[in-house]
ModelCIF file with pLDDT and N, C-alpha, C, O atoms, coordinates in Angstrom:
data_MODEL
#
_entry.id   MODEL 
#
_entity.id                         1 
_entity.type                       polymer 
_entity.pdbx_number_of_molecules   1 
#
_entity_poly.entity_id                      1 
_entity_poly.type                           'polypeptide(L)' 
_entity_poly.nstd_linkage                   no 
_entity_poly.nstd_monomer                   no 
_entity_poly.pdbx_seq_one_letter_code       MAPTWALVLFGLLIERYNEINGTSVRTVGEIWPNLQLYISGGVALSS 
_entity_poly.pdbx_seq_one_letter_code_can   MAPTWALVLFGLLIERYNEINGTSVRTVGEIWPNLQLYISGGVALSS 
_entity_poly.pdbx_strand_id                 A 
#
loop_
_entity_poly_seq.entity_id 
_entity_poly_seq.num 
_entity_poly_seq.mon_id 
_entity_poly_seq.hetero 
1 1  MET n 
1 2  ALA n 
1 3  PRO n 
1 4  THR n 
1 5  TRP n 
1 6  ALA n 
1 7  LEU n 
1 8  VAL n 
1 9  LEU n 
1 10 PHE n 
1 11 GLY n 
1 12 LEU n 
1 13 LEU n 
1 14 ILE n 
1 15 GLU n 
1 16 ARG n 
1 17 TYR n 
1 18 ASN n 
1 19 GLU n 
1 20 ILE n 
1 21 ASN n 
1 22 GLY n 
1 23 THR n 
1 24 SER n 
1 25 VAL n 
1 26 ARG n 
1 27 THR n 
1 28 VAL n 
1 29 GLY n 
1 30 GLU n 
1 31 ILE n 
1 32 TRP n 
1 33 PRO n 
1 34 ASN n 
1 35 LEU n 
1 36 GLN n 
1 37 LEU n 
1 38 TYR n 
1 39 ILE n 
1 40 SER n 
1 41 GLY n 
1 42 GLY n 
1 43 VAL n 
1 44 ALA n 
1 45 LEU n 
1 46 SER n 
1 47 SER n 
#
_struct_asym.id          A 
_struct_asym.entity_id   1 
#
loop_
_ma_qa_metric.id 
_ma_qa_metric.mode 
_ma_qa_metric.name 
_ma_qa_metric.software_group_id 
_ma_qa_metric.type 
1 global pLDDT . pLDDT 
2 local  pLDDT . pLDDT 
#
_ma_qa_metric_global.metric_id      1 
_ma_qa_metric_global.metric_value   91.30 
_ma_qa_metric_global.model_id       1 
_ma_qa_metric_global.ordinal_id     1 
#
loop_
_ma_qa_metric_local.label_asym_id 
_ma_qa_metric_local.label_comp_id 
_ma_qa_metric_local.label_seq_id 
_ma_qa_metric_local.metric_id 
_ma_qa_metric_local.metric_value 
_ma_qa_metric_local.model_id 
_ma_qa_metric_local.ordinal_id 
A MET 1  2 90.00 1 1  
A ALA 2  2 86.00 1 2  
A PRO 3  2 86.00 1 3  
A THR 4  2 81.00 1 4  
A TRP 5  2 84.00 1 5  
A ALA 6  2 89.00 1 6  
A LEU 7  2 86.00 1 7  
A VAL 8  2 85.00 1 8  
A LEU 9  2 92.00 1 9  
A PHE 10 2 93.00 1 10 
A GLY 11 2 91.00 1 11 
A LEU 12 2 92.00 1 12 
A LEU 13 2 96.00 1 13 
A ILE 14 2 96.00 1 14 
A GLU 15 2 95.00 1 15 
A ARG 16 2 96.00 1 16 
A TYR 17 2 95.00 1 17 
A ASN 18 2 96.00 1 18 
A GLU 19 2 95.00 1 19 
A ILE 20 2 94.00 1 20 
A ASN 21 2 94.00 1 21 
A GLY 22 2 93.00 1 22 
A THR 23 2 92.00 1 23 
A SER 24 2 93.00 1 24 
A VAL 25 2 94.00 1 25 
A ARG 26 2 95.00 1 26 
A THR 27 2 96.00 1 27 
A VAL 28 2 97.00 1 28 
A GLY 29 2 96.00 1 29 
A GLU 30 2 97.00 1 30 
A ILE 31 2 97.00 1 31 
A TRP 32 2 97.00 1 32 
A PRO 33 2 97.00 1 33 
A ASN 34 2 97.00 1 34 
A LEU 35 2 97.00 1 35 
A GLN 36 2 96.00 1 36 
A LEU 37 2 97.00 1 37 
A TYR 38 2 97.00 1 38 
A ILE 39 2 95.00 1 39 
A SER 40 2 92.00 1 40 
A GLY 41 2 87.00 1 41 
A GLY 42 2 79.00 1 42 
A VAL 43 2 78.00 1 43 
A ALA 44 2 78.00 1 44 
A LEU 45 2 85.00 1 45 
A SER 46 2 81.00 1 46 
A SER 47 2 76.00 1 47 
#
loop_
_atom_site.group_PDB 
_atom_site.id 
_atom_site.type_symbol 
_atom_site.label_atom_id 
_atom_site.label_alt_id 
_atom_site.label_comp_id 
_atom_site.label_asym_id 
_atom_site.label_entity_id 
_atom_site.label_seq_id 
_atom_site.pdbx_PDB_ins_code 
_atom_site.Cartn_x 
_atom_site.Cartn_y 
_atom_site.Cartn_z 
_atom_site.occupancy 
_atom_site.B_iso_or_equiv 
_atom_site.pdbx_formal_charge 
_atom_site.auth_seq_id 
_atom_site.auth_comp_id 
_atom_site.auth_asym_id 
_atom_site.auth_atom_id 
_atom_site.pdbx_PDB_model_num 
ATOM 1   N N  . MET A 1 1  ? -5.606  -14.331 0.968  1.00 90.00 ? 1  MET A N  1 
ATOM 2   C CA . MET A 1 1  ? -5.797  -14.795 2.342  1.00 90.00 ? 1  MET A CA 1 
ATOM 3   C C  . MET A 1 1  ? -7.214  -14.461 2.793  1.00 90.00 ? 1  MET A C  1 
ATOM 4   O O  . MET A 1 1  ? -7.932  -13.719 2.123  1.00 90.00 ? 1  MET A O  1 
ATOM 5   N N  . ALA A 1 2  ? -7.603  -15.012 3.927  1.00 86.00 ? 2  ALA A N  1 
ATOM 6   C CA . ALA A 1 2  ? -8.911  -14.712 4.494  1.00 86.00 ? 2  ALA A CA 1 
ATOM 7   C C  . ALA A 1 2  ? -8.985  -13.246 4.902  1.00 86.00 ? 2  ALA A C  1 
ATOM 8   O O  . ALA A 1 2  ? -8.021  -12.723 5.461  1.00 86.00 ? 2  ALA A O  1 
ATOM 9   N N  . PRO A 1 3  ? -10.098 -12.571 4.640  1.00 86.00 ? 3  PRO A N  1 
ATOM 10  C CA . PRO A 1 3  ? -10.213 -11.150 4.982  1.00 86.00 ? 3  PRO A CA 1 
ATOM 11  C C  . PRO A 1 3  ? -9.961  -10.849 6.447  1.00 86.00 ? 3  PRO A C  1 
ATOM 12  O O  . PRO A 1 3  ? -9.386  -9.810  6.774  1.00 86.00 ? 3  PRO A O  1 
ATOM 13  N N  . THR A 1 4  ? -10.382 -11.739 7.334  1.00 81.00 ? 4  THR A N  1 
ATOM 14  C CA . THR A 1 4  ? -10.180 -11.492 8.765  1.00 81.00 ? 4  THR A CA 1 
ATOM 15  C C  . THR A 1 4  ? -8.702  -11.327 9.092  1.00 81.00 ? 4  THR A C  1 
ATOM 16  O O  . THR A 1 4  ? -8.334  -10.469 9.894  1.00 81.00 ? 4  THR A O  1 
ATOM 17  N N  . TRP A 1 5  ? -7.851  -12.151 8.473  1.00 84.00 ? 5  TRP A N  1 
ATOM 18  C CA . TRP A 1 5  ? -6.421  -12.062 8.741  1.00 84.00 ? 5  TRP A CA 1 
ATOM 19  C C  . TRP A 1 5  ? -5.761  -10.967 7.934  1.00 84.00 ? 5  TRP A C  1 
ATOM 20  O O  . TRP A 1 5  ? -4.751  -10.409 8.362  1.00 84.00 ? 5  TRP A O  1 
ATOM 21  N N  . ALA A 1 6  ? -6.316  -10.642 6.760  1.00 89.00 ? 6  ALA A N  1 
ATOM 22  C CA . ALA A 1 6  ? -5.768  -9.534  5.979  1.00 89.00 ? 6  ALA A CA 1 
ATOM 23  C C  . ALA A 1 6  ? -5.885  -8.229  6.755  1.00 89.00 ? 6  ALA A C  1 
ATOM 24  O O  . ALA A 1 6  ? -4.960  -7.417  6.747  1.00 89.00 ? 6  ALA A O  1 
ATOM 25  N N  . LEU A 1 7  ? -7.009  -8.024  7.421  1.00 86.00 ? 7  LEU A N  1 
ATOM 26  C CA . LEU A 1 7  ? -7.191  -6.804  8.213  1.00 86.00 ? 7  LEU A CA 1 
ATOM 27  C C  . LEU A 1 7  ? -6.122  -6.692  9.297  1.00 86.00 ? 7  LEU A C  1 
ATOM 28  O O  . LEU A 1 7  ? -5.582  -5.612  9.540  1.00 86.00 ? 7  LEU A O  1 
ATOM 29  N N  . VAL A 1 8  ? -5.822  -7.809  9.941  1.00 85.00 ? 8  VAL A N  1 
ATOM 30  C CA . VAL A 1 8  ? -4.803  -7.817  10.986 1.00 85.00 ? 8  VAL A CA 1 
ATOM 31  C C  . VAL A 1 8  ? -3.422  -7.542  10.385 1.00 85.00 ? 8  VAL A C  1 
ATOM 32  O O  . VAL A 1 8  ? -2.686  -6.686  10.875 1.00 85.00 ? 8  VAL A O  1 
ATOM 33  N N  . LEU A 1 9  ? -3.078  -8.270  9.327  1.00 92.00 ? 9  LEU A N  1 
ATOM 34  C CA . LEU A 1 9  ? -1.764  -8.119  8.713  1.00 92.00 ? 9  LEU A CA 1 
ATOM 35  C C  . LEU A 1 9  ? -1.561  -6.717  8.159  1.00 92.00 ? 9  LEU A C  1 
ATOM 36  O O  . LEU A 1 9  ? -0.496  -6.128  8.341  1.00 92.00 ? 9  LEU A O  1 
ATOM 37  N N  . PHE A 1 10 ? -2.576  -6.173  7.481  1.00 93.00 ? 10 PHE A N  1 
ATOM 38  C CA . PHE A 1 10 ? -2.459  -4.830  6.910  1.00 93.00 ? 10 PHE A CA 1 
ATOM 39  C C  . PHE A 1 10 ? -2.275  -3.780  8.004  1.00 93.00 ? 10 PHE A C  1 
ATOM 40  O O  . PHE A 1 10 ? -1.498  -2.838  7.847  1.00 93.00 ? 10 PHE A O  1 
ATOM 41  N N  . GLY A 1 11 ? -2.997  -3.952  9.112  1.00 91.00 ? 11 GLY A N  1 
ATOM 42  C CA . GLY A 1 11 ? -2.835  -3.013  10.222 1.00 91.00 ? 11 GLY A CA 1 
ATOM 43  C C  . GLY A 1 11 ? -1.423  -3.032  10.776 1.00 91.00 ? 11 GLY A C  1 
ATOM 44  O O  . GLY A 1 11 ? -0.845  -1.979  11.046 1.00 91.00 ? 11 GLY A O  1 
ATOM 45  N N  . LEU A 1 12 ? -0.861  -4.231  10.949 1.00 92.00 ? 12 LEU A N  1 
ATOM 46  C CA . LEU A 1 12 ? 0.513   -4.358  11.447 1.00 92.00 ? 12 LEU A CA 1 
ATOM 47  C C  . LEU A 1 12 ? 1.516   -3.821  10.435 1.00 92.00 ? 12 LEU A C  1 
ATOM 48  O O  . LEU A 1 12 ? 2.524   -3.227  10.816 1.00 92.00 ? 12 LEU A O  1 
ATOM 49  N N  . LEU A 1 13 ? 1.248   -4.026  9.156  1.00 96.00 ? 13 LEU A N  1 
ATOM 50  C CA . LEU A 1 13 ? 2.138   -3.534  8.102  1.00 96.00 ? 13 LEU A CA 1 
ATOM 51  C C  . LEU A 1 13 ? 2.244   -2.010  8.148  1.00 96.00 ? 13 LEU A C  1 
ATOM 52  O O  . LEU A 1 13 ? 3.341   -1.452  8.100  1.00 96.00 ? 13 LEU A O  1 
ATOM 53  N N  . ILE A 1 14 ? 1.103   -1.352  8.242  1.00 96.00 ? 14 ILE A N  1 
ATOM 54  C CA . ILE A 1 14 ? 1.087   0.118   8.291  1.00 96.00 ? 14 ILE A CA 1 
ATOM 55  C C  . ILE A 1 14 ? 1.799   0.616   9.557  1.00 96.00 ? 14 ILE A C  1 
ATOM 56  O O  . ILE A 1 14 ? 2.587   1.561   9.513  1.00 96.00 ? 14 ILE A O  1 
ATOM 57  N N  . GLU A 1 15 ? 1.504   -0.034  10.665 1.00 95.00 ? 15 GLU A N  1 
ATOM 58  C CA . GLU A 1 15 ? 2.122   0.366   11.940 1.00 95.00 ? 15 GLU A CA 1 
ATOM 59  C C  . GLU A 1 15 ? 3.635   0.209   11.894 1.00 95.00 ? 15 GLU A C  1 
ATOM 60  O O  . GLU A 1 15 ? 4.365   1.092   12.344 1.00 95.00 ? 15 GLU A O  1 
ATOM 61  N N  . ARG A 1 16 ? 4.110   -0.907  11.355 1.00 96.00 ? 16 ARG A N  1 
ATOM 62  C CA . ARG A 1 16 ? 5.541   -1.181  11.293 1.00 96.00 ? 16 ARG A CA 1 
ATOM 63  C C  . ARG A 1 16 ? 6.247   -0.231  10.328 1.00 96.00 ? 16 ARG A C  1 
ATOM 64  O O  . ARG A 1 16 ? 7.339   0.256   10.622 1.00 96.00 ? 16 ARG A O  1 
ATOM 65  N N  . TYR A 1 17 ? 5.638   0.030   9.196  1.00 95.00 ? 17 TYR A N  1 
ATOM 66  C CA . TYR A 1 17 ? 6.223   0.933   8.208  1.00 95.00 ? 17 TYR A CA 1 
ATOM 67  C C  . TYR A 1 17 ? 6.415   2.329   8.808  1.00 95.00 ? 17 TYR A C  1 
ATOM 68  O O  . TYR A 1 17 ? 7.464   2.951   8.635  1.00 95.00 ? 17 TYR A O  1 
ATOM 69  N N  . ASN A 1 18 ? 5.400   2.806   9.507  1.00 96.00 ? 18 ASN A N  1 
ATOM 70  C CA . ASN A 1 18 ? 5.498   4.131   10.126 1.00 96.00 ? 18 ASN A CA 1 
ATOM 71  C C  . ASN A 1 18 ? 6.537   4.158   11.233 1.00 96.00 ? 18 ASN A C  1 
ATOM 72  O O  . ASN A 1 18 ? 7.240   5.152   11.415 1.00 96.00 ? 18 ASN A O  1 
ATOM 73  N N  . GLU A 1 19 ? 6.631   3.060   11.970 1.00 95.00 ? 19 GLU A N  1 
ATOM 74  C CA . GLU A 1 19 ? 7.606   2.982   13.065 1.00 95.00 ? 19 GLU A CA 1 
ATOM 75  C C  . GLU A 1 19 ? 9.036   3.058   12.522 1.00 95.00 ? 19 GLU A C  1 
ATOM 76  O O  . GLU A 1 19 ? 9.878   3.752   13.092 1.00 95.00 ? 19 GLU A O  1 
ATOM 77  N N  . ILE A 1 20 ? 9.310   2.357   11.439 1.00 94.00 ? 20 ILE A N  1 
ATOM 78  C CA . ILE A 1 20 ? 10.665  2.313   10.879 1.00 94.00 ? 20 ILE A CA 1 
ATOM 79  C C  . ILE A 1 20 ? 11.022  3.607   10.163 1.00 94.00 ? 20 ILE A C  1 
ATOM 80  O O  . ILE A 1 20 ? 12.148  4.092   10.269 1.00 94.00 ? 20 ILE A O  1 
ATOM 81  N N  . ASN A 1 21 ? 10.056  4.170   9.429  1.00 94.00 ? 21 ASN A N  1 
ATOM 82  C CA . ASN A 1 21 ? 10.352  5.311   8.563  1.00 94.00 ? 21 ASN A CA 1 
ATOM 83  C C  . ASN A 1 21 ? 9.970   6.663   9.161  1.00 94.00 ? 21 ASN A C  1 
ATOM 84  O O  . ASN A 1 21 ? 10.228  7.705   8.558  1.00 94.00 ? 21 ASN A O  1 
ATOM 85  N N  . GLY A 1 22 ? 9.363   6.648   10.330 1.00 93.00 ? 22 GLY A N  1 
ATOM 86  C CA . GLY A 1 22 ? 8.958   7.907   10.943 1.00 93.00 ? 22 GLY A CA 1 
ATOM 87  C C  . GLY A 1 22 ? 7.908   8.639   10.131 1.00 93.00 ? 22 GLY A C  1 
ATOM 88  O O  . GLY A 1 22 ? 7.865   9.869   10.121 1.00 93.00 ? 22 GLY A O  1 
ATOM 89  N N  . THR A 1 23 ? 7.057   7.876   9.445  1.00 92.00 ? 23 THR A N  1 
ATOM 90  C CA . THR A 1 23 ? 6.023   8.461   8.581  1.00 92.00 ? 23 THR A CA 1 
ATOM 91  C C  . THR A 1 23 ? 4.652   8.285   9.214  1.00 92.00 ? 23 THR A C  1 
ATOM 92  O O  . THR A 1 23 ? 4.534   7.781   10.330 1.00 92.00 ? 23 THR A O  1 
ATOM 93  N N  . SER A 1 24 ? 3.636   8.697   8.507  1.00 93.00 ? 24 SER A N  1 
ATOM 94  C CA . SER A 1 24 ? 2.258   8.546   8.995  1.00 93.00 ? 24 SER A CA 1 
ATOM 95  C C  . SER A 1 24 ? 1.352   8.072   7.866  1.00 93.00 ? 24 SER A C  1 
ATOM 96  O O  . SER A 1 24 ? 0.255   8.596   7.679  1.00 93.00 ? 24 SER A O  1 
ATOM 97  N N  . VAL A 1 25 ? 1.825   7.061   7.103  1.00 94.00 ? 25 VAL A N  1 
ATOM 98  C CA . VAL A 1 25 ? 0.981   6.521   6.039  1.00 94.00 ? 25 VAL A CA 1 
ATOM 99  C C  . VAL A 1 25 ? -0.245  5.869   6.664  1.00 94.00 ? 25 VAL A C  1 
ATOM 100 O O  . VAL A 1 25 ? -0.198  5.380   7.793  1.00 94.00 ? 25 VAL A O  1 
ATOM 101 N N  . ARG A 1 26 ? -1.335  5.870   5.917  1.00 95.00 ? 26 ARG A N  1 
ATOM 102 C CA . ARG A 1 26 ? -2.593  5.357   6.464  1.00 95.00 ? 26 ARG A CA 1 
ATOM 103 C C  . ARG A 1 26 ? -3.140  4.186   5.665  1.00 95.00 ? 26 ARG A C  1 
ATOM 104 O O  . ARG A 1 26 ? -4.101  3.545   6.088  1.00 95.00 ? 26 ARG A O  1 
ATOM 105 N N  . THR A 1 27 ? -2.535  3.898   4.506  1.00 96.00 ? 27 THR A N  1 
ATOM 106 C CA . THR A 1 27 ? -3.064  2.823   3.667  1.00 96.00 ? 27 THR A CA 1 
ATOM 107 C C  . THR A 1 27 ? -1.954  1.884   3.206  1.00 96.00 ? 27 THR A C  1 
ATOM 108 O O  . THR A 1 27 ? -0.779  2.248   3.159  1.00 96.00 ? 27 THR A O  1 
ATOM 109 N N  . VAL A 1 28 ? -2.363  0.678   2.871  1.00 97.00 ? 28 VAL A N  1 
ATOM 110 C CA . VAL A 1 28 ? -1.431  -0.319  2.333  1.00 97.00 ? 28 VAL A CA 1 
ATOM 111 C C  . VAL A 1 28 ? -0.894  0.132   0.979  1.00 97.00 ? 28 VAL A C  1 
ATOM 112 O O  . VAL A 1 28 ? 0.256   -0.144  0.638  1.00 97.00 ? 28 VAL A O  1 
ATOM 113 N N  . GLY A 1 29 ? -1.733  0.827   0.210  1.00 96.00 ? 29 GLY A N  1 
ATOM 114 C CA . GLY A 1 29 ? -1.328  1.276   -1.111 1.00 96.00 ? 29 GLY A CA 1 
ATOM 115 C C  . GLY A 1 29 ? -0.142  2.229   -1.100 1.00 96.00 ? 29 GLY A C  1 
ATOM 116 O O  . GLY A 1 29 ? 0.575   2.342   -2.093 1.00 96.00 ? 29 GLY A O  1 
ATOM 117 N N  . GLU A 1 30 ? 0.063   2.905   0.003  1.00 97.00 ? 30 GLU A N  1 
ATOM 118 C CA . GLU A 1 30 ? 1.226   3.788   0.109  1.00 97.00 ? 30 GLU A CA 1 
ATOM 119 C C  . GLU A 1 30 ? 2.509   2.988   0.318  1.00 97.00 ? 30 GLU A C  1 
ATOM 120 O O  . GLU A 1 30 ? 3.604   3.496   0.075  1.00 97.00 ? 30 GLU A O  1 
ATOM 121 N N  . ILE A 1 31 ? 2.382   1.751   0.762  1.00 97.00 ? 31 ILE A N  1 
ATOM 122 C CA . ILE A 1 31 ? 3.538   0.883   0.989  1.00 97.00 ? 31 ILE A CA 1 
ATOM 123 C C  . ILE A 1 31 ? 3.748   -0.033  -0.214 1.00 97.00 ? 31 ILE A C  1 
ATOM 124 O O  . ILE A 1 31 ? 4.876   -0.238  -0.663 1.00 97.00 ? 31 ILE A O  1 
ATOM 125 N N  . TRP A 1 32 ? 2.653   -0.575  -0.726 1.00 97.00 ? 32 TRP A N  1 
ATOM 126 C CA . TRP A 1 32 ? 2.692   -1.435  -1.910 1.00 97.00 ? 32 TRP A CA 1 
ATOM 127 C C  . TRP A 1 32 ? 1.895   -0.764  -3.034 1.00 97.00 ? 32 TRP A C  1 
ATOM 128 O O  . TRP A 1 32 ? 0.761   -1.166  -3.294 1.00 97.00 ? 32 TRP A O  1 
ATOM 129 N N  . PRO A 1 33 ? 2.446   0.225   -3.691 1.00 97.00 ? 33 PRO A N  1 
ATOM 130 C CA . PRO A 1 33 ? 1.670   0.994   -4.674 1.00 97.00 ? 33 PRO A CA 1 
ATOM 131 C C  . PRO A 1 33 ? 1.265   0.199   -5.908 1.00 97.00 ? 33 PRO A C  1 
ATOM 132 O O  . PRO A 1 33 ? 0.355   0.607   -6.629 1.00 97.00 ? 33 PRO A O  1 
ATOM 133 N N  . ASN A 1 34 ? 1.931   -0.938  -6.166 1.00 97.00 ? 34 ASN A N  1 
ATOM 134 C CA . ASN A 1 34 ? 1.594   -1.750  -7.342 1.00 97.00 ? 34 ASN A CA 1 
ATOM 135 C C  . ASN A 1 34 ? 0.648   -2.899  -7.017 1.00 97.00 ? 34 ASN A C  1 
ATOM 136 O O  . ASN A 1 34 ? 0.381   -3.746  -7.869 1.00 97.00 ? 34 ASN A O  1 
ATOM 137 N N  . LEU A 1 35 ? 0.143   -2.930  -5.792 1.00 97.00 ? 35 LEU A N  1 
ATOM 138 C CA . LEU A 1 35 ? -0.817  -3.970  -5.425 1.00 97.00 ? 35 LEU A CA 1 
ATOM 139 C C  . LEU A 1 35 ? -2.038  -3.882  -6.341 1.00 97.00 ? 35 LEU A C  1 
ATOM 140 O O  . LEU A 1 35 ? -2.638  -2.816  -6.484 1.00 97.00 ? 35 LEU A O  1 
ATOM 141 N N  . GLN A 1 36 ? -2.396  -4.994  -6.951 1.00 96.00 ? 36 GLN A N  1 
ATOM 142 C CA . GLN A 1 36 ? -3.444  -4.996  -7.973 1.00 96.00 ? 36 GLN A CA 1 
ATOM 143 C C  . GLN A 1 36 ? -4.606  -5.920  -7.647 1.00 96.00 ? 36 GLN A C  1 
ATOM 144 O O  . GLN A 1 36 ? -5.754  -5.614  -7.969 1.00 96.00 ? 36 GLN A O  1 
ATOM 145 N N  . LEU A 1 37 ? -4.312  -7.067  -6.998 1.00 97.00 ? 37 LEU A N  1 
ATOM 146 C CA . LEU A 1 37 ? -5.325  -8.115  -6.861 1.00 97.00 ? 37 LEU A CA 1 
ATOM 147 C C  . LEU A 1 37 ? -5.356  -8.649  -5.442 1.00 97.00 ? 37 LEU A C  1 
ATOM 148 O O  . LEU A 1 37 ? -4.319  -8.947  -4.848 1.00 97.00 ? 37 LEU A O  1 
ATOM 149 N N  . TYR A 1 38 ? -6.567  -8.766  -4.907 1.00 97.00 ? 38 TYR A N  1 
ATOM 150 C CA . TYR A 1 38 ? -6.784  -9.423  -3.613 1.00 97.00 ? 38 TYR A CA 1 
ATOM 151 C C  . TYR A 1 38 ? -7.706  -10.615 -3.857 1.00 97.00 ? 38 TYR A C  1 
ATOM 152 O O  . TYR A 1 38 ? -8.816  -10.456 -4.366 1.00 97.00 ? 38 TYR A O  1 
ATOM 153 N N  . ILE A 1 39 ? -7.242  -11.807 -3.490 1.00 95.00 ? 39 ILE A N  1 
ATOM 154 C CA . ILE A 1 39 ? -8.038  -13.021 -3.620 1.00 95.00 ? 39 ILE A CA 1 
ATOM 155 C C  . ILE A 1 39 ? -8.482  -13.454 -2.236 1.00 95.00 ? 39 ILE A C  1 
ATOM 156 O O  . ILE A 1 39 ? -7.660  -13.673 -1.346 1.00 95.00 ? 39 ILE A O  1 
ATOM 157 N N  . SER A 1 40 ? -9.784  -13.574 -2.065 1.00 92.00 ? 40 SER A N  1 
ATOM 158 C CA . SER A 1 40 ? -10.366 -13.853 -0.758 1.00 92.00 ? 40 SER A CA 1 
ATOM 159 C C  . SER A 1 40 ? -10.833 -15.299 -0.672 1.00 92.00 ? 40 SER A C  1 
ATOM 160 O O  . SER A 1 40 ? -11.322 -15.863 -1.650 1.00 92.00 ? 40 SER A O  1 
ATOM 161 N N  . GLY A 1 41 ? -10.680 -15.888 0.497  1.00 87.00 ? 41 GLY A N  1 
ATOM 162 C CA . GLY A 1 41 ? -11.190 -17.228 0.763  1.00 87.00 ? 41 GLY A CA 1 
ATOM 163 C C  . GLY A 1 41 ? -11.369 -17.414 2.250  1.00 87.00 ? 41 GLY A C  1 
ATOM 164 O O  . GLY A 1 41 ? -10.849 -16.632 3.046  1.00 87.00 ? 41 GLY A O  1 
ATOM 165 N N  . GLY A 1 42 ? -12.100 -18.441 2.631  1.00 79.00 ? 42 GLY A N  1 
ATOM 166 C CA . GLY A 1 42 ? -12.252 -18.747 4.050  1.00 79.00 ? 42 GLY A CA 1 
ATOM 167 C C  . GLY A 1 42 ? -13.519 -18.190 4.655  1.00 79.00 ? 42 GLY A C  1 
ATOM 168 O O  . GLY A 1 42 ? -14.256 -18.920 5.317  1.00 79.00 ? 42 GLY A O  1 
ATOM 169 N N  . VAL A 1 43 ? -13.792 -16.922 4.445  1.00 78.00 ? 43 VAL A N  1 
ATOM 170 C CA . VAL A 1 43 ? -15.030 -16.283 4.897  1.00 78.00 ? 43 VAL A CA 1 
ATOM 171 C C  . VAL A 1 43 ? -15.545 -15.400 3.767  1.00 78.00 ? 43 VAL A C  1 
ATOM 172 O O  . VAL A 1 43 ? -14.805 -15.055 2.846  1.00 78.00 ? 43 VAL A O  1 
ATOM 173 N N  . ALA A 1 44 ? -16.821 -15.041 3.849  1.00 78.00 ? 44 ALA A N  1 
ATOM 174 C CA . ALA A 1 44 ? -17.434 -14.271 2.770  1.00 78.00 ? 44 ALA A CA 1 
ATOM 175 C C  . ALA A 1 44 ? -16.755 -12.912 2.614  1.00 78.00 ? 44 ALA A C  1 
ATOM 176 O O  . ALA A 1 44 ? -16.573 -12.181 3.588  1.00 78.00 ? 44 ALA A O  1 
ATOM 177 N N  . LEU A 1 45 ? -16.387 -12.587 1.391  1.00 85.00 ? 45 LEU A N  1 
ATOM 178 C CA . LEU A 1 45 ? -15.727 -11.319 1.108  1.00 85.00 ? 45 LEU A CA 1 
ATOM 179 C C  . LEU A 1 45 ? -16.668 -10.133 1.297  1.00 85.00 ? 45 LEU A C  1 
ATOM 180 O O  . LEU A 1 45 ? -16.231 -9.052  1.693  1.00 85.00 ? 45 LEU A O  1 
ATOM 181 N N  . SER A 1 46 ? -17.951 -10.327 1.019  1.00 81.00 ? 46 SER A N  1 
ATOM 182 C CA . SER A 1 46 ? -18.886 -9.198  1.000  1.00 81.00 ? 46 SER A CA 1 
ATOM 183 C C  . SER A 1 46 ? -18.908 -8.428  2.315  1.00 81.00 ? 46 SER A C  1 
ATOM 184 O O  . SER A 1 46 ? -19.091 -7.211  2.324  1.00 81.00 ? 46 SER A O  1 
ATOM 185 N N  . SER A 1 47 ? -18.721 -9.140  3.426  1.00 76.00 ? 47 SER A N  1 
ATOM 186 C CA . SER A 1 47 ? -18.771 -8.475  4.730  1.00 76.00 ? 47 SER A CA 1 
ATOM 187 C C  . SER A 1 47 ? -17.536 -7.637  5.019  1.00 76.00 ? 47 SER A C  1 
ATOM 188 O O  . SER A 1 47 ? -17.442 -7.022  6.081  1.00 76.00 ? 47 SER A O  1 
#
């Protein structure tokens, strides 16, 4: 997905996970530990 929307989705994912589980995870990797590949499109990835 586009990086601009990934930032939004990842932020909501972390917030929701902590809300449901009463935890304080700070990264997507703690929720999806097998995440391996991010494919970017729409806007420049470098930024």
